[in-house]
Amino acid sequence: MITNFIALRNNPALVAFRYYVLSFYGHDGIYPLAKYEDGEIVPLTVADVEMAIMHYIKQCSNNVVEWGDGDSIDRERVRVILEYRGFFEESHIPEIDTSRVLHTPITVDDSMAAA
């Protein structure tokens, strides 16, 4: 199983899956995701997607979920991980007064992101 970003980037199936996820949730995707960061709305990056894929692959290797060969179920499970990490559809991010928001880091463990 893939255990690091270099291996992910050298695996043609996972590179294709990364592009597939980005085609849906990247800045120019069908359902672009973004998050608040330092009071700004920041779009999803390739690194964010790779991190979520790595987390998902770890779940698969621990038999928490089963890898579906990069299909829509896998894509949606990666989206759940991204949502736990603070990403939301850009069209659904409300305008908020960020001066009143407490910036407390949120951690995600494997049990929270398992679907």
Protein backbone atom coordinates (compact mmCIF):
# COMPACT_ATOMS: atom_id res chain seq x y z
CA MET A 1 0.00 0.00 0.00
CA ILE A 2 1.16 3.54 -0.70
CA THR A 3 2.75 5.13 2.37
CA ASN A 4 4.12 8.45 1.18
CA PHE A 5 3.52 11.30 -1.25
CA ILE A 6 6.40 10.35 -3.57
CA ALA A 7 4.94 6.89 -3.99
CA LEU A 8 1.48 8.39 -4.57
CA ARG A 9 2.85 10.69 -7.28
CA ASN A 10 4.59 7.74 -8.99
CA ASN A 11 1.49 5.54 -9.04
CA PRO A 12 -0.45 6.17 -12.27
CA ALA A 13 -3.74 4.93 -10.78
CA LEU A 14 -3.45 7.26 -7.79
CA VAL A 15 -2.39 10.20 -9.94
CA ALA A 16 -5.49 9.60 -12.07
CA PHE A 17 -7.58 9.38 -8.90
CA ARG A 18 -6.07 12.66 -7.64
CA TYR A 19 -7.06 14.38 -10.90
CA TYR A 20 -10.51 12.80 -10.66
CA VAL A 21 -10.98 14.21 -7.13
CA LEU A 22 -9.69 17.62 -8.27
CA SER A 23 -12.05 17.61 -11.26
CA PHE A 24 -14.91 17.56 -8.77
CA TYR A 25 -13.56 19.52 -5.80
CA GLY A 26 -10.68 21.63 -7.13
CA HIS A 27 -11.00 25.37 -7.79
CA ASP A 28 -12.34 24.78 -11.33
CA GLY A 29 -14.22 21.61 -10.37
CA ILE A 30 -17.90 20.80 -10.43
CA TYR A 31 -18.26 21.31 -6.65
CA PRO A 32 -15.23 23.42 -5.67
CA LEU A 33 -14.22 23.16 -2.02
CA ALA A 34 -12.62 25.87 0.08
CA LYS A 35 -12.03 26.67 3.74
CA TYR A 36 -11.43 29.63 6.00
CA GLU A 37 -7.76 30.11 6.81
CA ASP A 38 -6.45 33.18 8.61
CA GLY A 39 -9.69 35.02 7.88
CA GLU A 40 -9.56 34.30 4.14
CA ILE A 41 -11.39 31.81 1.94
CA VAL A 42 -8.74 29.47 0.54
CA PRO A 43 -9.49 27.01 -2.30
CA LEU A 44 -8.59 23.35 -2.13
CA THR A 45 -5.04 22.59 -3.28
CA VAL A 46 -3.37 19.56 -4.80
CA ALA A 47 -1.50 19.07 -1.51
CA ASP A 48 -4.81 19.07 0.41
CA VAL A 49 -6.17 16.37 -1.90
CA GLU A 50 -2.99 14.31 -1.64
CA MET A 51 -3.12 14.50 2.15
CA ALA A 52 -6.74 13.35 2.15
CA ILE A 53 -5.96 10.51 -0.28
CA MET A 54 -3.08 9.38 1.93
CA HIS A 55 -5.41 9.39 4.93
CA TYR A 56 -7.97 7.38 2.96
CA ILE A 57 -5.37 4.86 1.77
CA LYS A 58 -4.30 4.41 5.39
CA GLN A 59 -7.91 3.61 6.26
CA CYS A 60 -8.01 1.09 3.42
CA SER A 61 -4.77 -0.57 4.52
CA ASN A 62 -6.13 -0.82 8.09
CA ASN A 63 -9.31 -2.47 6.75
CA VAL A 64 -11.47 0.41 7.99
CA VAL A 65 -12.91 0.79 4.47
CA GLU A 66 -12.34 -1.01 1.17
CA TRP A 67 -10.62 0.64 -1.81
CA GLY A 68 -12.99 0.75 -4.77
CA ASP A 69 -10.37 1.23 -7.52
CA GLY A 70 -10.75 5.01 -7.50
CA ASP A 71 -14.48 5.12 -8.16
CA SER A 72 -17.11 7.62 -7.01
CA ILE A 73 -17.39 6.01 -3.57
CA ASP A 74 -13.66 6.53 -3.03
CA ARG A 75 -13.99 10.14 -4.23
CA GLU A 76 -16.86 10.80 -1.81
CA ARG A 77 -14.92 9.25 1.07
CA VAL A 78 -12.01 11.57 0.31
CA ARG A 79 -14.48 14.45 0.31
CA VAL A 80 -15.65 13.44 3.80
CA ILE A 81 -12.04 13.58 5.00
CA LEU A 82 -11.65 17.03 3.42
CA GLU A 83 -14.86 18.21 5.10
CA TYR A 84 -13.57 17.03 8.48
CA ARG A 85 -10.49 19.14 7.74
CA GLY A 86 -12.62 22.25 7.30
CA PHE A 87 -13.44 22.28 3.59
CA PHE A 88 -16.92 23.12 2.31
CA GLU A 89 -18.41 23.82 -1.09
CA GLU A 90 -17.43 27.38 -2.02
CA SER A 91 -21.06 28.21 -2.77
CA HIS A 92 -22.07 27.16 0.75
CA ILE A 93 -19.46 29.07 2.75
CA PRO A 94 -21.36 31.71 4.66
CA GLU A 95 -20.07 35.22 5.04
CA ILE A 96 -18.98 35.52 8.64
CA ASP A 97 -17.29 38.11 10.77
CA THR A 98 -13.90 36.39 11.10
CA SER A 99 -12.79 38.87 13.74
CA ARG A 100 -15.15 37.07 16.12
CA VAL A 101 -13.98 33.53 15.26
CA LEU A 102 -11.68 31.66 17.60
CA HIS A 103 -8.93 30.05 15.58
CA THR A 104 -8.58 26.72 17.34
CA PRO A 105 -6.94 23.85 15.45
CA ILE A 106 -9.12 20.80 14.94
CA THR A 107 -7.58 17.37 14.72
CA VAL A 108 -9.07 14.43 12.91
CA ASP A 109 -8.38 10.85 13.89
CA ASP A 110 -9.07 7.79 11.73
CA SER A 111 -12.30 6.95 13.53
CA MET A 112 -13.85 10.37 12.71
CA ALA A 113 -13.21 10.21 8.98
CA ALA A 114 -14.23 6.56 8.48
CA ALA A 115 -17.37 6.28 6.43
